[in-house]
């Protein structure tokens, strides 16, 4: 499993943009596609909202990759 730590700049980052910024998705559009297909979980729960606001302390997983959002 690959684990990334994402430094948050502000109150939140949109889920599809987070996937882009960490390199899991090649673009925001690809990030939206991954979310729409039900491949992304936030804190262990499937998330289908592409622009879900991910905040510090939350963990995003997709396949064997994990993103820990910190402030």
N, C-alpha and C. Protein backbone atom coordinates (compact mmCIF):
# COMPACT_ATOMS: atom_id res chain seq x y z
N UNK A 1 0.85 -1.19 0.00
CA UNK A 1 0.00 0.00 0.00
C UNK A 1 0.89 1.24 0.00
N UNK A 2 0.57 2.17 -0.88
CA UNK A 2 1.25 3.47 -0.92
C UNK A 2 0.50 4.45 -0.04
N UNK A 3 1.23 5.18 0.79
CA UNK A 3 0.61 6.16 1.67
C UNK A 3 1.18 7.54 1.34
N UNK A 4 0.28 8.48 1.10
CA UNK A 4 0.66 9.86 0.82
C UNK A 4 0.18 10.74 1.96
N UNK A 5 0.93 11.77 2.26
CA UNK A 5 0.48 12.78 3.22
C UNK A 5 0.29 14.07 2.44
N UNK A 6 -0.92 14.62 2.48
CA UNK A 6 -1.24 15.83 1.73
C UNK A 6 -1.39 16.99 2.70
N UNK A 7 -0.57 18.02 2.51
CA UNK A 7 -0.61 19.22 3.35
C UNK A 7 -1.72 20.15 2.85
N UNK A 8 -2.72 20.34 3.65
CA UNK A 8 -3.87 21.17 3.29
C UNK A 8 -3.52 22.66 3.42
N UNK A 9 -3.88 23.42 2.39
CA UNK A 9 -3.71 24.88 2.42
C UNK A 9 -5.10 25.50 2.36
N UNK A 10 -5.68 25.75 3.50
CA UNK A 10 -7.05 26.26 3.57
C UNK A 10 -7.90 25.31 4.39
N UNK A 11 -9.22 25.48 4.28
CA UNK A 11 -10.14 24.66 5.08
C UNK A 11 -10.38 23.28 4.50
N UNK A 12 -10.32 23.15 3.18
CA UNK A 12 -10.63 21.87 2.53
C UNK A 12 -10.04 21.84 1.12
N UNK A 13 -10.07 20.63 0.52
CA UNK A 13 -9.74 20.46 -0.89
C UNK A 13 -10.82 19.54 -1.47
N UNK A 14 -11.26 19.83 -2.68
CA UNK A 14 -12.27 19.00 -3.31
C UNK A 14 -11.66 17.65 -3.67
N UNK A 15 -12.45 16.60 -3.53
CA UNK A 15 -11.98 15.23 -3.69
C UNK A 15 -11.32 15.00 -5.05
N UNK A 16 -11.96 15.42 -6.15
CA UNK A 16 -11.38 15.18 -7.46
C UNK A 16 -10.06 15.92 -7.64
N UNK A 17 -9.93 17.09 -7.04
CA UNK A 17 -8.70 17.87 -7.12
C UNK A 17 -7.60 17.22 -6.27
N UNK A 18 -7.97 16.68 -5.13
CA UNK A 18 -7.01 15.97 -4.28
C UNK A 18 -6.39 14.80 -5.04
N UNK A 19 -7.21 14.06 -5.76
CA UNK A 19 -6.70 12.93 -6.54
C UNK A 19 -5.72 13.42 -7.61
N UNK A 20 -6.01 14.56 -8.19
CA UNK A 20 -5.11 15.14 -9.21
C UNK A 20 -3.81 15.61 -8.56
N UNK A 21 -3.90 16.34 -7.46
CA UNK A 21 -2.71 16.91 -6.82
C UNK A 21 -1.76 15.85 -6.28
N UNK A 22 -2.27 14.70 -5.91
CA UNK A 22 -1.42 13.63 -5.39
C UNK A 22 -0.89 12.73 -6.50
N UNK A 23 -1.33 12.96 -7.74
CA UNK A 23 -0.85 12.18 -8.88
C UNK A 23 -1.58 10.87 -9.11
N UNK A 24 -2.62 10.60 -8.31
CA UNK A 24 -3.40 9.38 -8.51
C UNK A 24 -4.22 9.49 -9.79
N UNK A 25 -4.73 10.69 -10.05
CA UNK A 25 -5.45 10.98 -11.30
C UNK A 25 -4.61 11.95 -12.12
N UNK A 26 -4.64 11.78 -13.42
CA UNK A 26 -3.87 12.65 -14.30
C UNK A 26 -4.46 14.04 -14.45
N UNK A 27 -5.76 14.16 -14.14
CA UNK A 27 -6.45 15.45 -14.26
C UNK A 27 -7.64 15.46 -13.32
N UNK A 28 -8.24 16.66 -13.15
CA UNK A 28 -9.45 16.76 -12.34
C UNK A 28 -10.58 15.94 -12.94
N UNK A 29 -10.64 15.90 -14.26
CA UNK A 29 -11.67 15.11 -14.95
C UNK A 29 -11.51 13.63 -14.70
N UNK A 30 -10.27 13.16 -14.71
CA UNK A 30 -10.03 11.75 -14.40
C UNK A 30 -10.39 11.46 -12.95
N UNK A 31 -10.10 12.42 -12.07
CA UNK A 31 -10.47 12.27 -10.66
C UNK A 31 -11.98 12.13 -10.51
N UNK A 32 -12.73 12.95 -11.25
CA UNK A 32 -14.19 12.87 -11.21
C UNK A 32 -14.67 11.50 -11.67
N UNK A 33 -14.03 10.98 -12.71
CA UNK A 33 -14.39 9.66 -13.25
C UNK A 33 -14.16 8.56 -12.20
N UNK A 34 -13.03 8.61 -11.50
CA UNK A 34 -12.73 7.62 -10.48
C UNK A 34 -13.77 7.65 -9.36
N UNK A 35 -14.16 8.86 -8.96
CA UNK A 35 -15.16 9.01 -7.91
C UNK A 35 -16.51 8.48 -8.40
N UNK A 36 -16.90 8.86 -9.62
CA UNK A 36 -18.19 8.45 -10.17
C UNK A 36 -18.31 6.93 -10.29
N UNK A 37 -17.19 6.26 -10.51
CA UNK A 37 -17.20 4.80 -10.63
C UNK A 37 -17.26 4.10 -9.27
N UNK A 38 -17.23 4.88 -8.19
CA UNK A 38 -17.33 4.30 -6.85
C UNK A 38 -16.05 3.69 -6.34
N UNK A 39 -14.91 4.13 -6.89
CA UNK A 39 -13.63 3.55 -6.50
C UNK A 39 -12.97 4.24 -5.31
N UNK A 40 -13.54 5.36 -4.87
CA UNK A 40 -12.89 6.18 -3.84
C UNK A 40 -13.67 6.10 -2.52
N UNK A 41 -12.91 5.97 -1.43
CA UNK A 41 -13.52 5.97 -0.10
C UNK A 41 -12.91 7.10 0.73
N UNK A 42 -13.74 7.70 1.57
CA UNK A 42 -13.28 8.71 2.52
C UNK A 42 -13.61 8.18 3.90
N UNK A 43 -12.59 8.02 4.73
CA UNK A 43 -12.75 7.44 6.06
C UNK A 43 -13.46 6.09 6.02
N UNK A 44 -13.14 5.29 4.99
CA UNK A 44 -13.68 3.94 4.87
C UNK A 44 -15.06 3.83 4.27
N UNK A 45 -15.66 4.95 3.86
CA UNK A 45 -17.01 4.96 3.29
C UNK A 45 -16.94 5.42 1.84
N UNK A 46 -17.58 4.66 0.96
CA UNK A 46 -17.59 5.03 -0.46
C UNK A 46 -18.16 6.44 -0.64
N UNK A 47 -17.45 7.25 -1.42
CA UNK A 47 -17.88 8.63 -1.66
C UNK A 47 -18.13 8.83 -3.15
N UNK A 48 -19.34 9.25 -3.50
CA UNK A 48 -19.73 9.45 -4.89
C UNK A 48 -19.83 10.91 -5.29
N UNK A 49 -19.65 11.82 -4.33
CA UNK A 49 -19.70 13.25 -4.64
C UNK A 49 -18.31 13.70 -5.10
N UNK A 50 -18.22 14.10 -6.36
CA UNK A 50 -16.93 14.44 -6.96
C UNK A 50 -16.26 15.63 -6.30
N UNK A 51 -17.04 16.59 -5.84
CA UNK A 51 -16.46 17.78 -5.22
C UNK A 51 -16.62 17.76 -3.70
N UNK A 52 -16.68 16.57 -3.13
CA UNK A 52 -16.75 16.41 -1.67
C UNK A 52 -15.59 17.17 -1.04
N UNK A 53 -15.87 17.90 0.02
CA UNK A 53 -14.85 18.71 0.70
C UNK A 53 -14.08 17.85 1.69
N UNK A 54 -12.85 17.54 1.34
CA UNK A 54 -11.99 16.74 2.21
C UNK A 54 -11.25 17.69 3.15
N UNK A 55 -11.33 17.40 4.44
CA UNK A 55 -10.75 18.28 5.45
C UNK A 55 -9.61 17.57 6.19
N UNK A 56 -8.83 18.34 6.92
CA UNK A 56 -7.71 17.79 7.68
C UNK A 56 -8.20 16.69 8.62
N UNK A 57 -7.44 15.62 8.71
CA UNK A 57 -7.78 14.49 9.56
C UNK A 57 -8.49 13.37 8.83
N UNK A 58 -8.93 13.63 7.61
CA UNK A 58 -9.63 12.59 6.86
C UNK A 58 -8.64 11.77 6.04
N UNK A 59 -9.03 10.52 5.75
CA UNK A 59 -8.20 9.60 4.99
C UNK A 59 -8.98 9.17 3.75
N UNK A 60 -8.35 9.33 2.59
CA UNK A 60 -8.95 8.96 1.31
C UNK A 60 -8.22 7.72 0.80
N UNK A 61 -8.98 6.70 0.37
CA UNK A 61 -8.36 5.50 -0.17
C UNK A 61 -8.94 5.19 -1.54
N UNK A 62 -8.07 4.67 -2.40
CA UNK A 62 -8.47 4.17 -3.71
C UNK A 62 -7.54 3.02 -4.04
N UNK A 63 -8.10 1.85 -4.25
CA UNK A 63 -7.33 0.62 -4.46
C UNK A 63 -6.34 0.45 -3.30
N UNK A 64 -5.05 0.39 -3.61
CA UNK A 64 -4.06 0.18 -2.55
C UNK A 64 -3.31 1.47 -2.22
N UNK A 65 -3.94 2.61 -2.49
CA UNK A 65 -3.33 3.90 -2.21
C UNK A 65 -4.14 4.64 -1.13
N UNK A 66 -3.43 5.29 -0.23
CA UNK A 66 -4.07 6.00 0.87
C UNK A 66 -3.50 7.42 0.94
N UNK A 67 -4.40 8.39 1.10
CA UNK A 67 -4.00 9.79 1.24
C UNK A 67 -4.46 10.26 2.61
N UNK A 68 -3.52 10.72 3.42
CA UNK A 68 -3.84 11.28 4.73
C UNK A 68 -3.75 12.79 4.62
N UNK A 69 -4.85 13.46 4.90
CA UNK A 69 -4.89 14.92 4.77
C UNK A 69 -4.57 15.55 6.12
N UNK A 70 -3.55 16.41 6.13
CA UNK A 70 -3.10 17.05 7.36
C UNK A 70 -3.13 18.56 7.17
N UNK A 71 -3.18 19.28 8.30
CA UNK A 71 -3.14 20.75 8.20
C UNK A 71 -1.83 21.28 8.69
